[in-house]
Amino acid sequence: MRAVVTVVGKDKTGIIARVSGLFYEKNINILDISQKLMQNLFTMIALVDMEKSELSLDDLTKELDKVGEELNVAIRVLPEESFEV
């Protein structure tokens, strides 16, 4: 399964490292990633492949919710199929 992960919040050091570190720990491959600063807001969108991970989409969402609370950023996870027309 592939998923789209978005991160938005006030810019600070370590956001990409913390989120990508979780992906590494949970055996989730980053297929594509983009980040940009919009004034003082950090934005990131990543397409990830969860095929080799033991986590379900719900479990990944819970893990990223914890990271979001820790970093004070909003993190959302949606299956790639949500964007198909």
Protein backbone atom coordinates (compact mmCIF):
# COMPACT_ATOMS: atom_id res chain seq x y z
CA MET A 1 0.00 0.00 0.00
CA ARG A 2 1.12 3.52 -0.80
CA ALA A 3 0.11 6.56 1.23
CA VAL A 4 0.42 10.32 1.07
CA VAL A 5 1.71 11.99 4.24
CA THR A 6 1.44 15.75 4.78
CA VAL A 7 3.10 17.77 7.52
CA VAL A 8 2.29 21.43 8.25
CA GLY A 9 3.41 23.59 11.14
CA LYS A 10 5.70 26.30 12.39
CA ASP A 11 9.19 25.73 11.05
CA LYS A 12 11.73 24.23 13.44
CA THR A 13 14.80 22.05 13.26
CA GLY A 14 14.32 18.29 13.02
CA ILE A 15 10.87 17.87 11.48
CA ILE A 16 12.07 15.97 8.42
CA ALA A 17 14.54 13.96 10.50
CA ARG A 18 11.88 12.91 13.01
CA VAL A 19 9.25 11.95 10.42
CA SER A 20 11.67 10.19 8.07
CA GLY A 21 13.27 8.47 11.09
CA LEU A 22 9.89 6.96 11.97
CA PHE A 23 9.54 5.77 8.38
CA TYR A 24 12.95 4.12 8.63
CA GLU A 25 12.15 2.46 11.96
CA LYS A 26 8.86 1.07 10.61
CA ASN A 27 10.34 -0.12 7.28
CA ILE A 28 8.38 2.42 5.22
CA ASN A 29 10.05 3.55 2.00
CA ILE A 30 9.89 7.19 0.91
CA LEU A 31 9.15 7.20 -2.82
CA ASP A 32 8.97 10.97 -3.26
CA ILE A 33 9.22 13.89 -0.87
CA SER A 34 8.90 17.65 -1.15
CA GLN A 35 9.21 20.34 1.49
CA LYS A 36 8.84 24.07 1.37
CA LEU A 37 8.75 27.01 3.71
CA MET A 38 5.75 29.28 3.25
CA GLN A 39 6.84 32.34 5.24
CA ASN A 40 7.34 30.76 8.69
CA LEU A 41 5.25 27.64 7.97
CA PHE A 42 6.95 24.36 7.18
CA THR A 43 5.10 22.17 4.66
CA MET A 44 6.01 18.68 3.55
CA ILE A 45 4.31 16.08 1.40
CA ALA A 46 5.64 12.56 0.97
CA LEU A 47 4.53 9.55 -1.03
CA VAL A 48 5.47 6.43 0.91
CA ASP A 49 5.34 2.69 0.24
CA MET A 50 4.16 0.64 3.22
CA GLU A 51 4.37 -2.76 1.53
CA LYS A 52 7.28 -4.03 3.66
CA SER A 53 6.02 -2.49 6.90
CA GLU A 54 4.08 -4.42 9.49
CA LEU A 55 2.05 -1.30 10.32
CA SER A 56 -1.47 -0.78 9.09
CA LEU A 57 -2.51 2.64 7.83
CA ASP A 58 -4.35 3.21 11.13
CA ASP A 59 -1.25 2.26 13.12
CA LEU A 60 0.92 4.60 11.04
CA THR A 61 -1.59 7.39 11.62
CA LYS A 62 -1.41 6.82 15.39
CA GLU A 63 2.40 6.82 15.34
CA LEU A 64 2.51 10.02 13.29
CA ASP A 65 -0.09 11.64 15.56
CA LYS A 66 2.37 11.15 18.44
CA VAL A 67 5.17 12.70 16.38
CA GLY A 68 2.90 15.59 15.42
CA GLU A 69 2.08 16.27 19.07
CA GLU A 70 5.76 16.09 19.98
CA LEU A 71 6.71 18.58 17.25
CA ASN A 72 3.51 20.67 17.42
CA VAL A 73 2.74 20.10 13.72
CA ALA A 74 -0.28 18.67 11.91
CA ILE A 75 0.41 15.35 10.21
CA ARG A 76 -2.16 13.63 7.99
CA VAL A 77 -2.01 10.26 6.25
CA LEU A 78 -4.25 9.21 3.36
CA PRO A 79 -4.10 6.15 1.14
CA GLU A 80 -2.93 6.97 -2.37
CA GLU A 81 -6.26 5.72 -3.72
CA SER A 82 -7.98 8.72 -2.11
CA PHE A 83 -6.55 10.87 -4.88
CA GLU A 84 -7.60 8.73 -7.84
CA VAL A 85 -10.41 10.03 -9.99
